[in-house]
Amino acid sequence: MNVEQMKVVLKEILLKTDLTVCVVGHRGVGKSAGVIQVCREIGRRYLPLRLGQMEVGDLVGIPYREGEVMNWSRPSWWPADDDPAAVVHCDELNRAQQEDTLQAIFQFVEPPAEGEPRALHTHTLHPKHKVVVTINPPDGTYQVAQLDRALIDRMIIISVETDYACWASHARSREFDRSVQQFLAGNSHLLARQGSPVEMDVEPTERGWEMVSTLRRSCRFPDNLEMEVYAGIVGREAAVMFLRWCHDQKGRPVTAMEVLESWPHVAQKAAAQRDDLQAATMNELLTVLPLRRDLVEDEEDNLVAYLGILPRDLRFGMVKALLRTPHLAEVISRDKYDAIVLDAIGAICEEVR
């Protein structure tokens, strides 16, 4: 994706999740500038850390003794709990010159465990403060360290590439010299030559799928970027397979068993179905339910909840059909379901009269 697309994705993730984005791209493509611009747009203070220049003490602080207890002083860059919301930019993460520096920052870039704050050694970060990483790709053309799979697995990898249209828009907005703009309009190949494509060792893992789940629940990405975001978590092949499966599911009606056994997960989809798909769901339920005399309470509740999302005319027809089967009539006629089915039953009584 280009820098403008990266900014859209980064803004969504920073505002709605605690996950860590790692922006990967060749030199000069605009990674750091994009992060700074996002911070300005969302009103967050920008705190850069150039990890290639830092040692462990710069990250965890200097130890001092207080009685019999060893403590570590808070680093000057560390945002306090009462400071304005900030984005800590871990720049050049894979340029850390010492192995122990890279090991120290490992904990900090890891998304916080559920209910726990992000931490670095003895210091904890307030949830309003977020973390972003940028690196050059380890393709042999940069003096960088190879990140291991455990570290990659803890971040959302977003690859950024040169895009002339994106650069031209930026040049106009910043009022670059007109001669430069006009020259590159006809010679766009003279922008940065990116070298080999950005390839990171991203594979599907349990942690990765949990991050995908978090993003799908919390964020909304443009359709043309969604696959690239997920590919940066579970790999391109898995992301393609997953989104293809999701697309196939969108065109299928909610099944009877999904209504009865997984209603909370399909309620929104069921409510949004077209009339033809709704008819398919209703017909399958009317085929399955007469054979089911062993409905448990949760399944009964799910059935009535499904009736509740139907338009009045469809609900009327569904209740009328269910009442023809004695054990189903007994279920939907219970007092606790009156709020949903009483109107339909009343209309049926009027029709009989």
Protein backbone atom coordinates (compact mmCIF):
# COMPACT_ATOMS: atom_id res chain seq x y z
CA MET A 1 0.00 0.00 0.00
CA ASN A 2 1.09 3.62 -0.39
CA VAL A 3 1.68 6.09 2.44
CA GLU A 4 -1.84 7.58 2.32
CA GLN A 5 -3.37 4.12 2.56
CA MET A 6 -1.01 3.27 5.41
CA LYS A 7 -2.21 6.37 7.26
CA VAL A 8 -5.84 5.27 6.92
CA VAL A 9 -5.05 1.84 8.35
CA LEU A 10 -2.75 3.15 11.10
CA LYS A 11 -5.29 5.74 12.25
CA GLU A 12 -8.03 3.11 12.53
CA ILE A 13 -5.86 0.71 14.52
CA LEU A 14 -4.44 3.37 16.87
CA LEU A 15 -7.85 4.80 17.70
CA LYS A 16 -9.70 1.52 18.20
CA THR A 17 -7.22 -1.12 19.43
CA ASP A 18 -4.08 -1.64 21.54
CA LEU A 19 -2.33 -3.62 18.79
CA THR A 20 1.13 -2.67 17.52
CA VAL A 21 1.61 -1.78 13.85
CA CYS A 22 5.02 -2.32 12.25
CA VAL A 23 5.42 -0.27 9.06
CA VAL A 24 7.98 -1.81 6.70
CA GLY A 25 9.35 0.04 3.70
CA HIS A 26 12.45 1.08 1.80
CA ARG A 27 14.27 4.31 2.58
CA GLY A 28 12.61 7.59 1.70
CA VAL A 29 9.13 6.16 1.12
CA GLY A 30 7.60 8.28 3.91
CA LYS A 31 7.14 5.87 6.81
CA SER A 32 8.15 8.25 9.60
CA ALA A 33 6.47 11.26 7.98
CA GLY A 34 3.25 9.25 7.69
CA VAL A 35 3.34 8.34 11.39
CA ILE A 36 3.91 11.99 12.35
CA GLN A 37 1.01 13.12 10.15
CA VAL A 38 -1.32 10.54 11.71
CA CYS A 39 -0.37 11.76 15.20
CA ARG A 40 -1.29 15.32 14.20
CA GLU A 41 -4.58 14.23 12.62
CA ILE A 42 -5.73 12.29 15.70
CA GLY A 43 -4.38 14.81 18.21
CA ARG A 44 -1.70 12.61 19.78
CA ARG A 45 1.74 13.73 20.96
CA TYR A 46 4.54 12.22 18.87
CA LEU A 47 7.41 10.58 20.83
CA PRO A 48 10.19 9.18 18.60
CA LEU A 49 12.69 6.57 19.78
CA ARG A 50 15.63 5.96 17.46
CA LEU A 51 16.51 2.50 18.65
CA GLY A 52 19.70 2.36 16.58
CA GLN A 53 21.12 4.98 18.96
CA MET A 54 19.86 3.52 22.24
CA GLU A 55 21.15 1.12 24.85
CA VAL A 56 19.23 -0.94 27.40
CA GLY A 57 19.62 1.76 30.06
CA ASP A 58 17.96 4.29 27.73
CA LEU A 59 14.91 2.04 27.62
CA VAL A 60 14.52 0.62 31.12
CA GLY A 61 16.14 3.47 33.08
CA ILE A 62 19.03 3.57 35.52
CA PRO A 63 18.87 1.31 38.61
CA TYR A 64 18.90 2.87 42.05
CA ARG A 65 18.58 1.42 45.53
CA GLU A 66 15.82 2.33 47.95
CA GLY A 67 16.49 0.53 51.20
CA GLU A 68 16.85 -3.13 50.30
CA VAL A 69 14.85 -2.76 47.07
CA MET A 70 16.35 -2.15 43.61
CA ASN A 71 14.29 0.22 41.45
CA TRP A 72 14.71 1.64 37.95
CA SER A 73 14.24 5.32 37.20
CA ARG A 74 11.63 6.28 34.60
CA PRO A 75 13.33 7.18 31.28
CA SER A 76 12.91 10.81 30.23
CA TRP A 77 10.98 9.82 27.10
CA TRP A 78 8.45 7.63 28.94
CA PRO A 79 5.00 9.32 28.91
CA ALA A 80 3.48 9.65 32.37
CA ASP A 81 -0.10 8.62 33.15
CA ASP A 82 -1.23 12.25 33.38
CA ASP A 83 0.56 13.37 30.18
CA PRO A 84 -1.48 14.05 27.03
CA ALA A 85 -2.16 10.92 24.95
CA ALA A 86 0.91 10.04 22.91
CA VAL A 87 2.18 7.68 20.23
CA VAL A 88 5.62 6.22 20.96
CA HIS A 89 7.34 5.67 17.61
CA CYS A 90 9.94 2.89 17.84
CA ASP A 91 11.93 3.88 14.76
CA GLU A 92 14.66 1.69 13.26
CA LEU A 93 13.76 -1.19 15.57
CA ASN A 94 15.86 -3.66 13.61
CA ARG A 95 18.85 -1.28 13.68
CA ALA A 96 19.36 -1.78 17.41
CA GLN A 97 23.11 -2.20 17.64
CA GLN A 98 23.11 -4.47 20.67
CA GLU A 99 21.23 -7.73 20.98
CA ASP A 100 20.13 -6.91 24.54
CA THR A 101 18.57 -3.63 23.31
CA LEU A 102 16.40 -5.56 20.88
CA GLN A 103 15.51 -8.05 23.61
CA ALA A 104 14.56 -5.22 25.95
CA ILE A 105 12.20 -3.53 23.48
CA PHE A 106 10.55 -6.89 22.68
CA GLN A 107 8.27 -6.60 25.71
CA PHE A 108 7.32 -3.01 24.88
CA VAL A 109 6.14 -3.62 21.30
CA GLU A 110 4.13 -6.67 22.37
CA PRO A 111 0.40 -5.82 22.65
CA PRO A 112 -0.68 -5.81 26.30
CA ALA A 113 -2.22 -8.96 27.69
CA GLU A 114 -5.95 -8.81 28.30
CA GLY A 115 -6.69 -6.47 31.19
CA GLU A 116 -3.00 -5.65 31.69
CA PRO A 117 -1.12 -2.47 30.68
CA ARG A 118 1.71 -2.44 28.16
CA ALA A 119 5.00 -2.63 30.04
CA LEU A 120 8.76 -2.32 29.75
CA HIS A 121 10.65 -3.92 32.64
CA THR A 122 9.17 -2.28 35.78
CA HIS A 123 7.41 0.56 33.94
CA THR A 124 3.78 0.37 32.79
CA LEU A 125 2.23 2.45 30.02
CA HIS A 126 -1.20 4.05 30.39
CA PRO A 127 -3.65 2.59 27.81
CA LYS A 128 -4.16 6.02 26.20
CA HIS A 129 -0.55 5.89 24.97
CA LYS A 130 0.04 3.74 21.86
CA VAL A 131 3.09 2.24 20.13
CA VAL A 132 4.09 2.16 16.44
CA VAL A 133 7.16 0.53 14.90
CA THR A 134 8.92 1.33 11.60
CA ILE A 135 11.74 -0.65 9.97
CA ASN A 136 13.60 -1.10 6.70
CA PRO A 137 13.14 -4.57 5.20
CA PRO A 138 15.82 -7.17 6.00
CA ASP A 139 16.52 -7.82 2.31
CA GLY A 140 20.30 -7.54 2.40
CA THR A 141 20.48 -3.90 1.23
CA TYR A 142 20.32 -2.39 4.75
CA GLN A 143 22.47 -2.83 7.84
CA VAL A 144 19.65 -4.27 9.92
CA ALA A 145 19.06 -7.26 12.14
CA GLN A 146 16.80 -10.14 11.16
CA LEU A 147 13.71 -10.08 13.38
CA ASP A 148 12.73 -13.48 14.73
CA ARG A 149 9.30 -14.98 14.24
CA ALA A 150 8.26 -14.48 17.84
CA LEU A 151 8.68 -10.70 17.51
CA ILE A 152 7.03 -10.52 14.07
CA ASP A 153 4.13 -12.55 15.44
CA ARG A 154 3.38 -9.80 17.97
CA MET A 155 2.91 -7.02 15.40
CA ILE A 156 0.74 -6.15 12.41
CA ILE A 157 3.15 -5.90 9.49
CA ILE A 158 2.17 -3.21 6.95
CA SER A 159 4.30 -2.89 3.82
CA VAL A 160 4.58 0.58 2.22
CA GLU A 161 5.81 1.19 -1.31
CA THR A 162 6.51 4.18 -3.54
CA ASP A 163 3.48 5.50 -5.40
CA TYR A 164 3.79 8.47 -7.78
CA ALA A 165 0.18 9.64 -7.39
CA CYS A 166 0.58 9.66 -3.62
CA TRP A 167 3.86 11.57 -3.86
CA ALA A 168 2.38 14.09 -6.31
CA SER A 169 -0.53 14.79 -3.97
CA HIS A 170 1.90 15.32 -1.10
CA ALA A 171 4.08 17.60 -3.25
CA ARG A 172 1.09 19.78 -4.18
CA SER A 173 -0.14 20.03 -0.59
CA ARG A 174 3.34 21.06 0.62
CA GLU A 175 3.85 23.44 -2.32
CA PHE A 176 7.01 21.81 -3.63
CA ASP A 177 8.87 23.72 -6.32
CA ARG A 178 6.79 23.68 -9.52
CA SER A 179 9.76 22.65 -11.64
CA VAL A 180 10.35 19.59 -9.47
CA GLN A 181 6.68 18.63 -9.64
CA GLN A 182 6.47 19.07 -13.42
CA PHE A 183 9.73 17.21 -14.05
CA LEU A 184 8.69 14.19 -12.02
CA ALA A 185 5.24 14.18 -13.62
CA GLY A 186 7.01 13.07 -16.78
CA ASN A 187 9.83 11.13 -15.11
CA SER A 188 8.17 9.29 -12.24
CA HIS A 189 10.74 6.49 -12.61
CA LEU A 190 13.23 8.88 -10.97
CA LEU A 191 11.53 8.57 -7.63
CA ALA A 192 13.22 6.14 -5.22
CA ARG A 193 14.00 2.76 -6.74
CA GLN A 194 12.64 0.41 -4.19
CA GLY A 195 14.82 -2.60 -4.78
CA SER A 196 13.34 -6.01 -4.05
CA PRO A 197 9.75 -6.31 -2.85
CA VAL A 198 9.20 -6.18 0.89
CA GLU A 199 8.95 -9.73 2.21
CA MET A 200 8.59 -10.55 5.90
CA ASP A 201 8.42 -13.95 7.51
CA VAL A 202 4.73 -13.74 8.44
CA GLU A 203 2.85 -16.97 9.11
CA PRO A 204 -0.53 -17.86 10.66
CA THR A 205 -0.50 -18.48 14.41
CA GLU A 206 -3.06 -18.57 17.19
CA ARG A 207 -1.96 -15.10 18.34
CA GLY A 208 -2.25 -13.84 14.77
CA TRP A 209 -5.83 -15.03 14.36
CA GLU A 210 -6.70 -13.41 17.69
CA MET A 211 -5.39 -10.09 16.30
CA VAL A 212 -7.44 -10.58 13.12
CA SER A 213 -10.48 -11.17 15.32
CA THR A 214 -9.77 -7.96 17.27
CA LEU A 215 -9.48 -5.94 14.06
CA ARG A 216 -12.69 -7.36 12.58
CA ARG A 217 -14.61 -6.53 15.75
CA SER A 218 -13.16 -3.04 16.27
CA CYS A 219 -12.00 -1.61 12.93
CA ARG A 220 -13.35 -0.94 9.46
CA PHE A 221 -10.87 -0.88 6.58
CA PRO A 222 -11.47 -0.07 2.90
CA ASP A 223 -12.10 -3.28 0.94
CA ASN A 224 -8.92 -2.84 -1.10
CA LEU A 225 -6.76 -2.68 2.05
CA GLU A 226 -8.36 -5.32 4.26
CA MET A 227 -6.49 -8.24 2.70
CA GLU A 228 -3.13 -6.45 3.02
CA VAL A 229 -3.75 -5.76 6.70
CA TYR A 230 -4.60 -9.39 7.46
CA ALA A 231 -1.69 -10.60 5.29
CA GLY A 232 0.60 -8.66 7.63
CA ILE A 233 -0.67 -10.79 10.52
CA VAL A 234 -1.24 -14.33 9.21
CA GLY A 235 0.51 -14.25 5.83
CA ARG A 236 -0.86 -13.60 2.36
CA GLU A 237 -2.02 -17.13 1.58
CA ALA A 238 -4.02 -17.46 4.82
CA ALA A 239 -5.45 -13.94 4.42
CA VAL A 240 -6.64 -14.66 0.88
CA MET A 241 -8.25 -17.94 1.95
CA PHE A 242 -9.95 -16.29 4.94
CA LEU A 243 -11.41 -13.35 3.00
CA ARG A 244 -12.55 -15.66 0.20
CA TRP A 245 -14.33 -17.79 2.80
CA CYS A 246 -15.92 -14.66 4.33
CA HIS A 247 -17.08 -13.53 0.89
CA ASP A 248 -18.62 -16.92 0.20
CA GLN A 249 -20.41 -16.82 3.55
CA LYS A 250 -21.94 -13.42 2.81
CA GLY A 251 -23.86 -14.84 -0.12
CA ARG A 252 -25.35 -17.72 1.86
CA PRO A 253 -28.45 -17.58 4.03
CA VAL A 254 -28.17 -18.11 7.77
CA THR A 255 -28.82 -21.80 8.43
CA ALA A 256 -31.37 -23.25 10.84
CA MET A 257 -28.64 -24.66 13.08
CA GLU A 258 -26.88 -21.28 13.19
CA VAL A 259 -30.13 -19.70 14.39
CA LEU A 260 -30.66 -22.34 17.07
CA GLU A 261 -27.07 -22.84 18.24
CA SER A 262 -25.11 -19.69 17.37
CA TRP A 263 -27.66 -16.89 17.37
CA PRO A 264 -25.48 -14.14 18.95
CA HIS A 265 -22.91 -14.64 16.18
CA VAL A 266 -25.40 -14.54 13.28
CA ALA A 267 -28.05 -12.13 14.59
CA GLN A 268 -26.71 -9.13 12.70
CA LYS A 269 -26.37 -11.08 9.47
CA ALA A 270 -29.87 -12.56 9.83
CA ALA A 271 -31.43 -9.15 10.41
CA ALA A 272 -29.75 -7.77 7.27
CA GLN A 273 -30.69 -10.63 4.93
CA ARG A 274 -32.57 -9.96 1.70
CA ASP A 275 -36.11 -11.33 1.56
CA ASP A 276 -35.08 -14.29 -0.60
CA LEU A 277 -32.32 -15.29 1.85
CA GLN A 278 -34.67 -14.75 4.77
CA ALA A 279 -37.18 -17.05 3.12
CA ALA A 280 -34.49 -19.71 2.78
CA THR A 281 -33.67 -19.48 6.50
CA MET A 282 -37.34 -19.63 7.46
CA ASN A 283 -38.03 -22.61 5.19
CA GLU A 284 -35.11 -24.54 6.62
CA LEU A 285 -36.28 -23.83 10.16
CA LEU A 286 -39.79 -25.00 9.29
CA THR A 287 -38.28 -28.21 7.91
CA VAL A 288 -35.95 -28.88 10.85
CA LEU A 289 -38.04 -27.76 13.84
CA PRO A 290 -40.96 -30.24 13.55
CA LEU A 291 -38.40 -33.03 13.91
CA ARG A 292 -36.76 -31.44 16.96
CA ARG A 293 -38.60 -32.34 20.15
CA ASP A 294 -35.44 -31.94 22.20
CA LEU A 295 -34.95 -28.16 22.02
CA VAL A 296 -33.11 -26.85 25.06
CA GLU A 297 -33.96 -23.52 26.64
CA ASP A 298 -31.16 -21.64 24.88
CA GLU A 299 -32.33 -22.94 21.50
CA GLU A 300 -35.90 -21.93 22.28
CA ASP A 301 -34.70 -18.44 23.24
CA ASN A 302 -32.68 -18.22 20.03
CA LEU A 303 -35.68 -19.23 17.92
CA VAL A 304 -37.88 -16.56 19.48
CA ALA A 305 -35.07 -14.00 19.15
CA TYR A 306 -34.96 -14.81 15.43
CA LEU A 307 -38.71 -14.20 15.21
CA GLY A 308 -38.07 -10.85 16.84
CA ILE A 309 -35.85 -9.55 14.02
CA LEU A 310 -38.30 -10.51 11.26
CA PRO A 311 -40.48 -7.84 9.64
CA ARG A 312 -44.09 -8.02 10.91
CA ASP A 313 -45.52 -9.79 7.85
CA LEU A 314 -42.76 -12.46 7.82
CA ARG A 315 -43.05 -12.94 11.57
CA PHE A 316 -46.80 -13.42 11.22
CA GLY A 317 -46.31 -16.15 8.60
CA MET A 318 -43.55 -17.86 10.59
CA VAL A 319 -45.52 -17.93 13.86
CA LYS A 320 -48.60 -19.19 12.02
CA ALA A 321 -46.58 -22.08 10.57
CA LEU A 322 -44.98 -22.94 13.92
CA LEU A 323 -48.34 -23.06 15.69
CA ARG A 324 -49.35 -26.00 13.48
CA THR A 325 -46.85 -28.19 15.33
CA PRO A 326 -48.00 -28.81 18.94
CA HIS A 327 -44.61 -28.94 20.66
CA LEU A 328 -43.51 -25.76 18.86
CA ALA A 329 -46.80 -24.04 19.64
CA GLU A 330 -46.17 -24.80 23.29
CA VAL A 331 -42.73 -23.20 23.10
CA ILE A 332 -43.68 -19.90 21.46
CA SER A 333 -46.87 -19.51 23.51
CA ARG A 334 -45.00 -19.23 26.82
CA ASP A 335 -45.55 -16.06 28.77
CA LYS A 336 -41.91 -14.94 28.65
CA TYR A 337 -42.09 -14.66 24.86
CA ASP A 338 -45.24 -12.52 24.80
CA ALA A 339 -43.37 -9.35 23.86
CA ILE A 340 -42.26 -10.89 20.57
CA VAL A 341 -44.99 -13.34 19.50
CA LEU A 342 -48.17 -12.01 21.12
CA ASP A 343 -48.80 -9.53 18.33
CA ALA A 344 -48.52 -12.27 15.70
CA ILE A 345 -50.76 -14.67 17.66
CA GLY A 346 -53.35 -11.93 18.09
CA ALA A 347 -53.35 -11.24 14.36
CA ILE A 348 -53.83 -14.94 13.69
CA CYS A 349 -56.83 -15.03 16.06
CA GLU A 350 -58.37 -12.08 14.27
CA GLU A 351 -57.86 -13.83 10.94
CA VAL A 352 -59.66 -16.95 12.24
CA ARG A 353 -62.65 -14.88 13.36
